[in-house]
Amino acid sequence: MKRLTRLWLAGLSDRLAVIGDLYELYLSHCPIEQPRPNLVDICTSDYVRQLMVLPGDPTDISWALSGLYGELPGIVETWRLACSRRLLELMPPRNGMIYNPLYRLELATTFFTCTMGCPEPLGFPRVLVHKCTNYMVQVPTFELLSTDRSQALSATLGEEPWNLRDDRIVFSPKASLVAHKIVEIVGLDPYCTTAKRMDELDLWFGCPLCSTDEMKCLMSWDAAVSLHFYLRAGSWLCLNSGVLFCVFPGLSCSQVSPREHHLSAMAHPSDVSDRS
């Protein structure tokens, strides 16, 4: 049994290498702002799972693997919709009929948080590519590999499918409430204003206590949600210049620095896997 398992794992690694190369080629032609599933999510799709069990080595089934490239757009879209529906189930119920329930994920007040200890709230679709959702806490042992091929796949790739046990992501009512107040302050309806709309307004927040006439410490609206969320700011100020500021009592200049990365839906560098 162990010998056959070793042979199967060797064939699995070869096949994964071919699939990984095709996926890398596909990603090189995709807009970077689109949510990108990890390779393990691609390999657990129905189409690729069937390729994994075809007899023969990658050379023998090259005809099947070559057709994978054309299937990748559909696989990625199916993954995105499936994960989106799972996120929607985490949100509190809303009264009234909604034509498109998935629209709630696009709202500027929709934020999730990671249960693995990451303090910053996660908007949509950034939550889809948060690094902890695919993180493997413990690599399965060889004995488990011999009886569970899904664990063998995860062990070979070093990652789990997205939020495998539905225990990595939860809805954040606190961050949602803060975002609700921010949207109201800029004069919009928090029940229908999307995160995209807030990005288009290009409003920048800052700390008046840390800013001077020579230098302004600014941040995007969703970064203000993050800082307000775990620093628990208490008051707000809107200057006549049209630049919106958030007051963080007791905050020093070293705690709020100029934004090098605009934290919009998918901008945090820690959540972008290195595919180079």
Protein backbone atom coordinates (compact mmCIF):
# COMPACT_ATOMS: atom_id res chain seq x y z
CA MET A 1 0.00 0.00 0.00
CA LYS A 2 2.82 2.41 0.87
CA ARG A 3 4.63 1.60 -2.39
CA LEU A 4 1.51 2.23 -4.45
CA THR A 5 0.90 5.45 -2.54
CA ARG A 6 4.43 6.66 -3.34
CA LEU A 7 3.90 5.91 -7.02
CA TRP A 8 0.56 7.72 -6.99
CA LEU A 9 2.08 10.74 -5.23
CA ALA A 10 4.90 10.87 -7.80
CA GLY A 11 2.37 10.85 -10.64
CA LEU A 12 0.29 13.43 -8.79
CA SER A 13 3.27 15.79 -8.52
CA ASP A 14 4.00 15.53 -12.25
CA ARG A 15 0.38 16.20 -13.14
CA LEU A 16 0.15 19.12 -10.73
CA ALA A 17 3.24 20.66 -12.31
CA VAL A 18 1.57 20.66 -15.73
CA ILE A 19 -1.69 22.04 -14.35
CA GLY A 20 0.24 24.67 -12.40
CA ASP A 21 2.06 25.84 -15.54
CA LEU A 22 -1.22 26.17 -17.45
CA TYR A 23 -2.73 28.12 -14.57
CA GLU A 24 0.29 30.45 -14.40
CA LEU A 25 -0.11 31.12 -18.11
CA TYR A 26 -3.80 31.88 -17.60
CA LEU A 27 -3.10 34.25 -14.69
CA SER A 28 -0.53 36.18 -16.73
CA HIS A 29 -3.37 37.32 -19.02
CA CYS A 30 -5.86 38.16 -16.25
CA PRO A 31 -6.41 41.62 -14.68
CA ILE A 32 -4.62 41.70 -11.34
CA GLU A 33 -7.64 43.16 -9.52
CA GLN A 34 -9.75 40.06 -10.19
CA PRO A 35 -9.98 37.47 -7.35
CA ARG A 36 -7.65 34.57 -8.09
CA PRO A 37 -8.17 31.15 -6.54
CA ASN A 38 -5.12 29.23 -5.40
CA LEU A 39 -3.96 26.20 -7.33
CA VAL A 40 -5.51 23.85 -4.76
CA ASP A 41 -8.93 25.42 -5.44
CA ILE A 42 -8.46 24.85 -9.15
CA CYS A 43 -7.47 21.23 -8.54
CA THR A 44 -10.53 20.53 -6.38
CA SER A 45 -12.93 21.66 -9.12
CA ASP A 46 -14.98 18.92 -10.79
CA TYR A 47 -13.25 19.28 -14.16
CA VAL A 48 -9.69 19.07 -12.82
CA ARG A 49 -10.57 16.35 -10.32
CA GLN A 50 -11.50 14.14 -13.25
CA LEU A 51 -8.16 14.87 -14.91
CA MET A 52 -6.35 13.84 -11.76
CA VAL A 53 -7.71 10.30 -11.91
CA LEU A 54 -7.21 9.65 -15.65
CA PRO A 55 -4.80 6.76 -16.27
CA GLY A 56 -1.41 7.53 -17.77
CA ASP A 57 1.29 10.15 -17.28
CA PRO A 58 0.96 13.84 -18.32
CA THR A 59 2.36 13.00 -21.77
CA ASP A 60 -0.28 10.34 -22.38
CA ILE A 61 -3.18 12.62 -21.38
CA SER A 62 -1.81 15.79 -22.96
CA TRP A 63 -4.99 16.02 -25.06
CA ALA A 64 -7.04 16.34 -21.87
CA LEU A 65 -4.67 18.73 -20.14
CA SER A 66 -4.49 21.00 -23.17
CA GLY A 67 -8.26 21.49 -22.97
CA LEU A 68 -7.93 22.71 -19.38
CA TYR A 69 -6.79 26.18 -20.45
CA GLY A 70 -10.09 26.91 -22.14
CA GLU A 71 -11.99 25.69 -19.08
CA LEU A 72 -10.13 27.88 -16.57
CA PRO A 73 -12.33 31.01 -16.94
CA GLY A 74 -15.41 28.98 -16.09
CA ILE A 75 -13.65 27.21 -13.21
CA VAL A 76 -12.51 30.52 -11.71
CA GLU A 77 -15.98 32.06 -12.05
CA THR A 78 -17.61 29.01 -10.47
CA TRP A 79 -15.17 29.23 -7.56
CA ARG A 80 -15.86 32.94 -7.07
CA LEU A 81 -19.63 32.47 -7.04
CA ALA A 82 -19.44 29.50 -4.68
CA CYS A 83 -17.23 31.39 -2.21
CA SER A 84 -19.44 34.47 -2.50
CA ARG A 85 -22.52 32.47 -1.58
CA ARG A 86 -20.69 31.02 1.43
CA LEU A 87 -19.77 34.54 2.55
CA LEU A 88 -23.37 35.65 2.14
CA GLU A 89 -24.46 32.91 4.54
CA LEU A 90 -22.18 34.44 7.20
CA MET A 91 -23.95 37.81 7.03
CA PRO A 92 -26.93 38.63 9.26
CA PRO A 93 -30.36 38.26 7.60
CA ARG A 94 -31.87 41.36 6.06
CA ASN A 95 -35.55 42.20 6.02
CA GLY A 96 -37.27 42.68 2.69
CA MET A 97 -36.87 41.20 -0.76
CA ILE A 98 -33.53 41.61 -2.51
CA TYR A 99 -33.37 41.11 -6.25
CA ASN A 100 -29.73 40.02 -6.13
CA PRO A 101 -28.61 38.89 -2.65
CA LEU A 102 -24.95 38.81 -3.76
CA TYR A 103 -25.20 42.59 -4.17
CA ARG A 104 -24.86 42.85 -0.37
CA LEU A 105 -21.26 41.73 -0.67
CA GLU A 106 -20.51 44.76 -2.84
CA LEU A 107 -21.74 47.24 -0.23
CA ALA A 108 -19.24 49.55 1.47
CA THR A 109 -20.56 48.39 4.84
CA THR A 110 -19.75 44.70 4.27
CA PHE A 111 -16.67 43.60 6.18
CA PHE A 112 -15.42 40.27 7.44
CA THR A 113 -12.62 39.36 9.79
CA CYS A 114 -10.13 36.51 10.02
CA THR A 115 -10.27 34.06 12.93
CA MET A 116 -6.55 33.31 12.64
CA GLY A 117 -5.55 36.48 14.46
CA CYS A 118 -5.39 39.06 11.65
CA PRO A 119 -6.71 42.33 13.14
CA GLU A 120 -7.69 44.16 9.97
CA PRO A 121 -11.26 43.90 8.61
CA LEU A 122 -11.58 42.36 5.15
CA GLY A 123 -13.81 43.83 2.48
CA PHE A 124 -15.09 42.09 -0.62
CA PRO A 125 -13.55 40.77 -2.83
CA ARG A 126 -10.31 41.05 -0.87
CA VAL A 127 -11.62 38.45 1.58
CA LEU A 128 -11.57 35.92 -1.28
CA VAL A 129 -7.77 36.14 -1.52
CA HIS A 130 -6.92 36.52 2.17
CA LYS A 131 -3.88 34.34 2.79
CA CYS A 132 -5.23 32.61 5.92
CA THR A 133 -8.16 31.05 4.07
CA ASN A 134 -5.79 28.62 2.30
CA TYR A 135 -3.24 28.26 5.09
CA MET A 136 -2.52 24.69 6.16
CA VAL A 137 -2.06 24.50 9.92
CA GLN A 138 -0.74 20.95 10.01
CA VAL A 139 0.57 18.86 7.12
CA PRO A 140 -1.08 15.40 7.07
CA THR A 141 1.09 12.40 7.94
CA PHE A 142 2.00 9.68 5.45
CA GLU A 143 -0.52 7.30 7.01
CA LEU A 144 -3.32 9.76 6.31
CA LEU A 145 -2.09 10.30 2.78
CA SER A 146 -2.50 6.63 2.01
CA THR A 147 -6.22 6.72 2.83
CA ASP A 148 -7.33 10.24 1.83
CA ARG A 149 -6.37 11.57 -1.60
CA SER A 150 -7.76 15.04 -0.86
CA GLN A 151 -5.28 15.32 1.99
CA ALA A 152 -2.55 14.08 -0.32
CA LEU A 153 -3.40 16.90 -2.72
CA SER A 154 -3.24 19.50 0.04
CA ALA A 155 0.00 18.08 1.42
CA THR A 156 1.64 18.12 -2.02
CA LEU A 157 0.62 21.74 -2.68
CA GLY A 158 1.12 22.89 0.92
CA GLU A 159 -2.28 24.58 1.14
CA GLU A 160 -5.94 23.82 1.79
CA PRO A 161 -8.97 24.74 -0.33
CA TRP A 162 -10.49 28.13 0.47
CA ASN A 163 -11.95 28.22 4.01
CA LEU A 164 -12.18 24.44 3.92
CA ARG A 165 -13.98 23.97 7.25
CA ASP A 166 -15.79 27.33 7.20
CA ASP A 167 -13.90 28.40 10.32
CA ARG A 168 -11.44 31.00 8.98
CA ILE A 169 -13.78 33.90 8.12
CA VAL A 170 -16.62 35.51 10.10
CA PHE A 171 -18.74 38.60 9.52
CA SER A 172 -17.56 41.69 11.44
CA PRO A 173 -20.51 43.67 12.85
CA LYS A 174 -18.17 46.23 14.48
CA ALA A 175 -16.34 47.07 11.26
CA SER A 176 -19.65 47.13 9.41
CA LEU A 177 -21.04 49.66 11.89
CA VAL A 178 -17.98 51.91 11.52
CA ALA A 179 -18.23 51.76 7.72
CA HIS A 180 -21.93 52.58 8.06
CA LYS A 181 -21.04 55.80 9.91
CA ILE A 182 -18.35 56.73 7.39
CA VAL A 183 -20.76 56.38 4.47
CA GLU A 184 -23.37 58.47 6.29
CA ILE A 185 -20.82 61.23 7.00
CA VAL A 186 -20.03 61.64 3.31
CA GLY A 187 -23.74 62.02 2.63
CA LEU A 188 -24.55 58.65 1.04
CA ASP A 189 -26.99 55.87 1.86
CA PRO A 190 -25.12 53.02 3.63
CA TYR A 191 -27.78 50.53 2.53
CA CYS A 192 -27.07 50.90 -1.17
CA THR A 193 -23.61 52.52 -1.49
CA THR A 194 -21.02 50.11 -2.84
CA ALA A 195 -17.33 49.98 -2.01
CA LYS A 196 -16.64 50.77 -5.66
CA ARG A 197 -18.63 53.99 -5.34
CA MET A 198 -16.61 55.00 -2.26
CA ASP A 199 -13.40 54.33 -4.19
CA GLU A 200 -14.63 56.49 -7.06
CA LEU A 201 -15.28 59.42 -4.72
CA ASP A 202 -11.56 59.36 -3.84
CA LEU A 203 -12.12 60.75 -0.34
CA TRP A 204 -9.07 60.64 1.90
CA PHE A 205 -9.08 60.39 5.66
CA GLY A 206 -6.46 61.52 8.11
CA CYS A 207 -5.69 62.34 11.70
CA PRO A 208 -5.86 66.08 12.53
CA LEU A 209 -3.82 65.47 15.69
CA CYS A 210 -0.92 64.09 13.66
CA SER A 211 -1.19 66.30 10.57
CA THR A 212 0.56 69.65 10.18
CA ASP A 213 0.31 72.47 7.66
CA GLU A 214 3.32 71.01 5.85
CA MET A 215 2.29 67.37 5.86
CA LYS A 216 -1.00 65.50 5.92
CA CYS A 217 -1.19 61.87 7.03
CA LEU A 218 -3.84 60.44 4.74
CA MET A 219 -5.51 57.09 4.22
CA SER A 220 -8.27 55.64 2.06
CA TRP A 221 -11.81 55.25 3.40
CA ASP A 222 -11.47 51.51 4.02
CA ALA A 223 -8.15 52.02 5.80
CA ALA A 224 -10.01 54.47 8.04
CA VAL A 225 -12.48 51.68 8.78
CA SER A 226 -9.61 49.44 9.80
CA LEU A 227 -7.92 52.00 12.04
CA HIS A 228 -11.20 53.12 13.58
CA PHE A 229 -12.15 49.50 14.13
CA TYR A 230 -9.25 48.41 16.29
CA LEU A 231 -8.19 51.81 17.69
CA ARG A 232 -11.79 52.71 18.62
CA ALA A 233 -11.75 56.33 17.58
CA GLY A 234 -14.33 58.56 19.14
CA SER A 235 -14.99 61.65 16.99
CA TRP A 236 -15.14 62.87 13.41
CA LEU A 237 -14.25 66.10 11.58
CA CYS A 238 -14.90 67.27 8.01
CA LEU A 239 -12.74 70.21 6.89
CA ASN A 240 -13.99 72.94 4.57
CA SER A 241 -11.37 71.93 2.01
CA GLY A 242 -13.45 68.89 1.21
CA VAL A 243 -10.87 66.44 2.56
CA LEU A 244 -12.51 64.20 5.12
CA PHE A 245 -10.62 63.50 8.32
CA CYS A 246 -11.13 61.03 11.11
CA VAL A 247 -10.00 62.00 14.62
CA PHE A 248 -8.07 59.31 16.49
CA PRO A 249 -7.62 60.56 20.09
CA GLY A 250 -4.17 59.93 21.53
CA LEU A 251 -2.73 58.62 18.28
CA SER A 252 0.90 59.51 17.57
CA CYS A 253 2.46 60.29 14.21
CA SER A 254 4.35 57.00 14.31
CA GLN A 255 1.07 55.09 14.42
CA VAL A 256 -0.42 56.64 11.29
CA SER A 257 1.95 56.93 8.35
CA PRO A 258 1.30 58.02 4.74
CA ARG A 259 -0.36 55.27 2.74
CA GLU A 260 2.04 53.53 0.38
CA HIS A 261 -0.65 51.08 -0.67
CA HIS A 262 -4.25 52.07 -1.30
CA LEU A 263 -6.27 49.55 0.67
CA SER A 264 -9.16 49.17 -1.71
CA ALA A 265 -10.95 45.89 -2.34
CA MET A 266 -7.82 43.87 -3.13
CA ALA A 267 -4.82 46.06 -2.35
CA HIS A 268 -3.10 44.69 0.73
CA PRO A 269 0.26 43.17 -0.34
CA SER A 270 0.16 40.52 2.39
CA ASP A 271 -2.87 38.93 0.71
CA VAL A 272 -1.36 38.70 -2.77
CA SER A 273 0.46 35.40 -3.17
CA ASP A 274 3.81 35.40 -4.94
CA ARG A 275 3.20 33.68 -8.28
CA SER A 276 6.40 34.90 -9.93
